[in-house]
Amino acid sequence: MGKITNFQSYAVALMGVISFLGGGIFEFFVWTANCWFFLAILFVFWRKYLISFLLGLIALLVSSSFILWHQILVSESGRTAEIQSLEIGYFLWLASILFVTFSSVYLKITEKKMRSLKNLDIEKSIETRKLICEEGWFDRLDTFTNYFMFLSFMLPAIFGLKDIKPSANSDFEYFFYICSFLFGLYGLYCKFTEKNLKEIKFNIHKEEAKRRILEYGKKYNYRISKISNNCIFLNEPTDSFSFGNHETTTMIFFKDQSILYTLIKDASRLNVPVLISQHIIRNDLKRLLSLKKIETNRKRSYFSLFFFKD
């Protein structure tokens, strides 16, 4: 019985691009699924969802055809070897193609939809410290898609960590899988707690707190809405590439000596949770409500948050 060799996924991906030079025409054909997959991702970002779906379907058919293979070319002399098993890397490849393909369908269906928080109960939200409102079918589907997306970062990482074998590249593999797992876990946490209201206490009068937040919103060009005795909404565009009325809303509810707030994102593609901005807003609001006198500093960016002190 010959020697059994385990090939790393990245090694197969790199060798596949030149496989036709050694006579591996059919091997190269399977590798071209990467090209169709890459184009499908590009067309998702260009919002050509139907084209992306068709390209993803081609990539899925080409890549899944490898399951039917029993032998593979291993040298330029034409020598072949028997395929003993398909490992986790291959199935992760298939899963990623499948995810992009069906995401195109989902994004096409929800392209014109916008997130809605119907019948928001302000008093009950303040009492329970959680947004109380009605959700439509699109919002539930969006939540499920977010959970699935972040789990797709975590589950492969768990299997990958289990299958790592000691080698020169094992440190990089550990780093990659751990980062993927932690990102998925953090994303799940943010989505799960998205509607929870965080509290910031202050020692100034409630009306003074409202005045400061309104001035803050006007100064930084937020679209201010839902102004009432107990709440203010600060709205800003979701990102620089958003078309239409897609915004990230900072929802601020007032109690006697504190505010409750959360950030809700309405995007043109997928309403992923706010991962970073919530920490910047929290620091801004704490600083704003604790100042004896309002300062006129520039609004801070992600960079300035971590590298410059107040």
Protein backbone atom coordinates (compact mmCIF):
# COMPACT_ATOMS: atom_id res chain seq x y z
CA MET A 1 0.00 0.00 0.00
CA GLY A 2 1.38 3.41 -1.00
CA LYS A 3 1.95 6.41 1.20
CA ILE A 4 -1.13 8.50 2.05
CA THR A 5 -0.59 12.25 1.72
CA ASN A 6 -2.84 14.91 3.24
CA PHE A 7 -3.00 18.09 1.16
CA GLN A 8 -3.75 21.42 2.83
CA SER A 9 -6.62 23.39 1.24
CA TYR A 10 -4.47 26.45 0.46
CA ALA A 11 -1.83 24.22 -1.21
CA VAL A 12 -4.48 22.65 -3.45
CA ALA A 13 -5.81 26.12 -4.33
CA LEU A 14 -2.33 27.33 -5.33
CA MET A 15 -1.46 24.20 -7.32
CA GLY A 16 -4.80 24.13 -9.10
CA VAL A 17 -4.11 27.31 -11.08
CA ILE A 18 -1.15 25.68 -12.89
CA SER A 19 -2.44 22.09 -12.96
CA PHE A 20 -3.20 22.25 -16.70
CA LEU A 21 0.53 22.75 -17.38
CA GLY A 22 1.14 19.22 -16.10
CA GLY A 23 -1.72 17.72 -18.07
CA GLY A 24 -4.36 18.06 -15.35
CA ILE A 25 -7.09 19.43 -17.62
CA PHE A 26 -9.96 17.98 -15.61
CA GLU A 27 -8.30 19.02 -12.32
CA PHE A 28 -8.01 22.55 -13.69
CA PHE A 29 -11.69 22.43 -14.69
CA VAL A 30 -12.67 21.76 -11.07
CA TRP A 31 -10.34 24.53 -9.88
CA THR A 32 -12.11 27.06 -12.15
CA ALA A 33 -14.99 26.93 -9.64
CA ASN A 34 -12.87 29.46 -7.69
CA CYS A 35 -13.09 31.90 -10.62
CA TRP A 36 -16.88 31.58 -10.87
CA PHE A 37 -17.10 31.92 -7.07
CA PHE A 38 -14.96 35.08 -7.05
CA LEU A 39 -17.06 36.63 -9.82
CA ALA A 40 -20.26 35.74 -7.92
CA ILE A 41 -18.94 37.64 -4.88
CA LEU A 42 -18.05 40.66 -7.03
CA PHE A 43 -21.52 40.77 -8.57
CA VAL A 44 -23.07 40.64 -5.07
CA PHE A 45 -21.20 43.84 -4.21
CA TRP A 46 -22.24 45.34 -7.55
CA ARG A 47 -25.85 44.37 -6.65
CA LYS A 48 -26.33 42.23 -9.75
CA TYR A 49 -27.91 39.48 -7.72
CA LEU A 50 -29.35 37.40 -10.57
CA ILE A 51 -25.96 37.25 -12.32
CA SER A 52 -24.32 36.42 -8.98
CA PHE A 53 -26.78 33.56 -8.44
CA LEU A 54 -26.09 32.08 -11.89
CA LEU A 55 -22.31 32.33 -11.42
CA GLY A 56 -22.60 30.80 -7.94
CA LEU A 57 -24.70 27.97 -9.35
CA ILE A 58 -22.01 27.24 -11.97
CA ALA A 59 -19.33 27.29 -9.24
CA LEU A 60 -21.42 24.93 -7.10
CA LEU A 61 -21.97 22.43 -9.94
CA VAL A 62 -18.31 22.45 -10.96
CA SER A 63 -16.95 22.14 -7.41
CA SER A 64 -19.43 19.45 -6.31
CA SER A 65 -18.55 17.31 -9.35
CA PHE A 66 -15.28 16.45 -7.57
CA ILE A 67 -17.27 14.25 -5.17
CA LEU A 68 -17.67 11.78 -8.06
CA TRP A 69 -13.91 11.49 -8.57
CA HIS A 70 -12.03 8.37 -7.41
CA GLN A 71 -8.54 9.19 -8.70
CA ILE A 72 -6.50 12.34 -9.24
CA LEU A 73 -3.38 13.22 -11.23
CA VAL A 74 -0.30 13.51 -8.98
CA SER A 75 2.59 13.95 -11.43
CA GLU A 76 3.36 15.24 -14.92
CA SER A 77 4.14 11.69 -16.04
CA GLY A 78 0.45 10.90 -15.89
CA ARG A 79 0.62 8.90 -12.65
CA THR A 80 -2.62 8.97 -10.69
CA ALA A 81 -3.45 8.21 -7.08
CA GLU A 82 -6.60 7.05 -5.37
CA ILE A 83 -8.57 9.63 -3.37
CA GLN A 84 -8.91 8.17 0.13
CA SER A 85 -11.22 10.81 1.63
CA LEU A 86 -12.46 14.38 1.35
CA GLU A 87 -11.65 16.42 4.45
CA ILE A 88 -13.23 19.47 6.10
CA GLY A 89 -11.49 21.96 3.80
CA TYR A 90 -13.34 20.70 0.73
CA PHE A 91 -16.73 20.84 2.44
CA LEU A 92 -16.01 24.34 3.77
CA TRP A 93 -15.28 25.34 0.17
CA LEU A 94 -18.63 23.93 -0.94
CA ALA A 95 -20.42 25.58 2.00
CA SER A 96 -18.95 29.01 1.19
CA ILE A 97 -20.07 28.74 -2.45
CA LEU A 98 -23.52 27.58 -1.35
CA PHE A 99 -23.78 30.49 1.09
CA VAL A 100 -22.96 33.13 -1.54
CA THR A 101 -25.28 31.51 -4.09
CA PHE A 102 -28.35 31.50 -1.87
CA SER A 103 -27.42 34.86 -0.34
CA SER A 104 -27.87 36.28 -3.84
CA VAL A 105 -31.45 34.98 -3.88
CA TYR A 106 -32.10 36.39 -0.41
CA LEU A 107 -30.64 39.79 -1.32
CA LYS A 108 -32.68 39.92 -4.53
CA ILE A 109 -35.89 39.26 -2.60
CA THR A 110 -35.11 41.82 0.11
CA GLU A 111 -33.50 44.42 -2.18
CA LYS A 112 -36.40 46.88 -1.85
CA LYS A 113 -37.19 46.09 1.76
CA MET A 114 -36.29 48.36 4.65
CA ARG A 115 -36.13 47.55 8.31
CA SER A 116 -39.14 48.67 10.29
CA LEU A 117 -39.82 48.94 14.02
CA LYS A 118 -43.59 49.07 14.11
CA ASN A 119 -45.61 50.15 17.15
CA LEU A 120 -42.60 50.89 19.33
CA ASP A 121 -43.75 50.95 22.96
CA ILE A 122 -41.53 53.62 24.52
CA GLU A 123 -42.70 53.28 28.11
CA LYS A 124 -42.45 49.49 28.14
CA SER A 125 -39.06 49.64 26.41
CA ILE A 126 -37.76 51.91 29.18
CA GLU A 127 -39.28 49.68 31.86
CA THR A 128 -37.83 46.42 30.47
CA ARG A 129 -34.61 48.02 29.12
CA LYS A 130 -35.26 46.32 25.78
CA LEU A 131 -36.90 47.53 22.55
CA ILE A 132 -40.53 46.41 22.53
CA CYS A 133 -42.00 46.54 19.02
CA GLU A 134 -43.58 44.42 16.31
CA GLU A 135 -41.37 42.57 13.83
CA GLY A 136 -42.31 41.68 10.26
CA TRP A 137 -41.38 38.51 8.39
CA PHE A 138 -38.44 40.32 6.74
CA ASP A 139 -36.95 41.24 10.12
CA ARG A 140 -37.20 37.64 11.35
CA LEU A 141 -35.62 36.34 8.14
CA ASP A 142 -32.90 38.94 8.47
CA THR A 143 -32.17 37.88 12.07
CA PHE A 144 -31.99 34.21 11.05
CA THR A 145 -29.62 35.06 8.18
CA ASN A 146 -27.34 36.99 10.57
CA TYR A 147 -27.21 34.07 13.00
CA PHE A 148 -26.43 31.68 10.15
CA MET A 149 -23.70 33.99 8.81
CA PHE A 150 -21.89 34.32 12.16
CA LEU A 151 -22.26 30.60 12.88
CA SER A 152 -20.59 29.95 9.52
CA PHE A 153 -17.49 31.64 10.98
CA MET A 154 -17.61 29.65 14.22
CA LEU A 155 -18.45 26.06 13.24
CA PRO A 156 -15.75 25.65 10.56
CA ALA A 157 -13.24 27.15 13.00
CA ILE A 158 -14.17 24.53 15.62
CA PHE A 159 -13.71 21.67 13.14
CA GLY A 160 -10.53 23.28 11.79
CA LEU A 161 -8.96 23.53 15.26
CA LYS A 162 -9.80 19.91 15.88
CA ASP A 163 -8.08 18.74 12.68
CA ILE A 164 -4.88 20.83 12.86
CA LYS A 165 -1.77 18.66 12.64
CA PRO A 166 1.63 19.82 13.96
CA SER A 167 3.57 21.49 11.14
CA ALA A 168 5.50 24.62 10.25
CA ASN A 169 2.22 26.36 9.42
CA SER A 170 0.22 25.20 12.45
CA ASP A 171 0.70 28.49 14.34
CA PHE A 172 -0.85 30.43 11.47
CA GLU A 173 -3.73 27.93 11.29
CA TYR A 174 -4.40 28.29 15.02
CA PHE A 175 -4.36 32.09 14.70
CA PHE A 176 -6.71 32.05 11.67
CA TYR A 177 -9.25 29.67 13.20
CA ILE A 178 -9.25 31.37 16.62
CA CYS A 179 -9.79 34.81 15.01
CA SER A 180 -12.61 33.39 12.88
CA PHE A 181 -14.26 31.82 15.93
CA LEU A 182 -13.97 34.97 18.06
CA PHE A 183 -15.34 37.18 15.27
CA GLY A 184 -18.34 34.89 14.81
CA LEU A 185 -18.93 34.74 18.57
CA TYR A 186 -18.74 38.54 18.90
CA GLY A 187 -21.11 39.01 15.93
CA LEU A 188 -23.61 36.58 17.48
CA TYR A 189 -23.43 38.43 20.80
CA CYS A 190 -23.98 41.82 19.12
CA LYS A 191 -26.97 40.55 17.14
CA PHE A 192 -28.49 38.75 20.14
CA THR A 193 -28.19 41.86 22.37
CA GLU A 194 -28.98 44.37 19.60
CA LYS A 195 -32.31 45.40 21.14
CA ASN A 196 -31.03 45.55 24.71
CA LEU A 197 -30.82 49.11 26.03
CA LYS A 198 -27.54 50.17 27.65
CA GLU A 199 -27.62 52.70 30.48
CA ILE A 200 -25.55 55.83 31.05
CA LYS A 201 -26.14 57.80 34.26
CA PHE A 202 -25.68 61.56 34.64
CA ASN A 203 -25.88 64.22 37.37
CA ILE A 204 -27.40 67.04 35.32
CA HIS A 205 -31.06 67.89 34.81
CA LYS A 206 -32.98 65.71 32.35
CA GLU A 207 -33.85 68.69 30.12
CA GLU A 208 -30.20 69.76 30.04
CA ALA A 209 -29.25 66.23 28.96
CA LYS A 210 -31.81 66.41 26.13
CA ARG A 211 -30.52 69.81 25.06
CA ARG A 212 -26.92 68.58 24.93
CA ILE A 213 -27.83 65.51 22.87
CA LEU A 214 -29.88 67.62 20.43
CA GLU A 215 -26.94 70.02 20.03
CA TYR A 216 -24.63 67.05 19.50
CA GLY A 217 -26.94 65.70 16.78
CA LYS A 218 -27.19 69.06 14.99
CA LYS A 219 -23.46 69.68 15.21
CA TYR A 220 -22.56 66.37 13.56
CA ASN A 221 -25.36 66.50 10.95
CA TYR A 222 -27.49 63.65 12.28
CA ARG A 223 -31.05 63.51 11.02
CA ILE A 224 -32.93 63.99 14.29
CA SER A 225 -36.33 62.32 14.61
CA LYS A 226 -38.88 61.04 17.14
CA ILE A 227 -38.29 63.96 19.47
CA SER A 228 -40.56 63.57 22.51
CA ASN A 229 -40.41 63.90 26.26
CA ASN A 230 -38.74 60.51 26.64
CA CYS A 231 -36.81 59.76 23.45
CA ILE A 232 -34.63 61.13 20.66
CA PHE A 233 -33.45 59.27 17.54
CA LEU A 234 -30.16 60.26 15.89
CA ASN A 235 -29.92 58.96 12.31
CA GLU A 236 -26.91 58.88 9.99
CA PRO A 237 -26.22 57.10 6.66
CA THR A 238 -25.28 53.45 7.11
CA ASP A 239 -22.14 53.83 4.99
CA SER A 240 -20.65 55.91 2.21
CA PHE A 241 -21.95 53.52 -0.45
CA SER A 242 -25.58 53.36 0.66
CA PHE A 243 -28.26 54.31 -1.82
CA GLY A 244 -31.67 55.30 -0.54
CA ASN A 245 -32.75 55.97 3.02
CA HIS A 246 -30.57 53.41 4.76
CA GLU A 247 -29.40 54.60 8.16
CA THR A 248 -27.90 53.65 11.49
CA THR A 249 -30.16 54.95 14.24
CA THR A 250 -29.01 55.73 17.77
CA MET A 251 -32.19 55.36 19.82
CA ILE A 252 -31.96 57.31 23.11
CA PHE A 253 -34.58 56.99 25.86
CA PHE A 254 -34.61 59.30 28.88
CA LYS A 255 -35.15 58.45 32.52
CA ASP A 256 -34.81 60.92 35.41
CA GLN A 257 -31.06 60.60 35.94
CA SER A 258 -29.94 58.38 33.09
CA ILE A 259 -30.40 57.52 29.43
CA LEU A 260 -30.99 54.13 27.81
CA TYR A 261 -29.74 53.69 24.27
CA THR A 262 -29.02 51.23 21.49
CA LEU A 263 -27.94 51.34 17.84
CA ILE A 264 -30.03 49.77 15.08
CA LYS A 265 -28.74 49.46 11.53
CA ASP A 266 -30.86 49.52 8.37
CA ALA A 267 -28.68 48.53 5.42
CA SER A 268 -29.24 48.14 1.70
CA ARG A 269 -28.16 44.50 1.78
CA LEU A 270 -28.16 42.83 5.19
CA ASN A 271 -28.95 44.37 8.57
CA VAL A 272 -25.87 43.16 10.39
CA PRO A 273 -25.49 44.33 13.99
CA VAL A 274 -23.43 47.40 14.82
CA LEU A 275 -20.03 45.97 15.80
CA ILE A 276 -17.82 49.00 16.51
CA SER A 277 -19.83 52.25 16.41
CA GLN A 278 -21.70 51.35 19.59
CA HIS A 279 -18.49 51.74 21.60
CA ILE A 280 -17.69 55.10 20.01
CA ILE A 281 -21.23 56.40 20.65
CA ARG A 282 -21.11 55.18 24.26
CA ASN A 283 -17.86 57.10 24.89
CA ASP A 284 -19.26 60.21 23.19
CA LEU A 285 -22.49 60.16 25.20
CA LYS A 286 -20.71 59.53 28.52
CA ARG A 287 -18.33 62.39 27.85
CA LEU A 288 -21.17 64.67 26.69
CA LEU A 289 -23.34 64.08 29.75
CA SER A 290 -20.50 64.34 32.26
CA LEU A 291 -19.07 67.66 31.02
CA LYS A 292 -19.77 70.78 33.04
CA LYS A 293 -19.32 72.75 29.84
CA ILE A 294 -19.82 71.46 26.31
CA GLU A 295 -16.58 71.40 24.33
CA THR A 296 -16.43 71.78 20.57
CA ASN A 297 -14.21 68.86 19.60
CA ARG A 298 -14.43 67.09 16.27
CA LYS A 299 -16.46 63.93 16.09
CA ARG A 300 -14.09 61.05 16.65
CA SER A 301 -13.38 58.31 14.13
CA TYR A 302 -12.51 54.66 14.78
CA PHE A 303 -8.81 55.62 14.53
CA SER A 304 -8.97 58.49 16.99
CA LEU A 305 -10.93 56.39 19.48
CA PHE A 306 -8.03 54.01 19.94
CA PHE A 307 -5.03 56.30 19.46
CA PHE A 308 -6.03 59.64 21.01
CA LYS A 309 -7.26 60.42 24.49
CA ASP A 310 -9.86 63.02 25.38
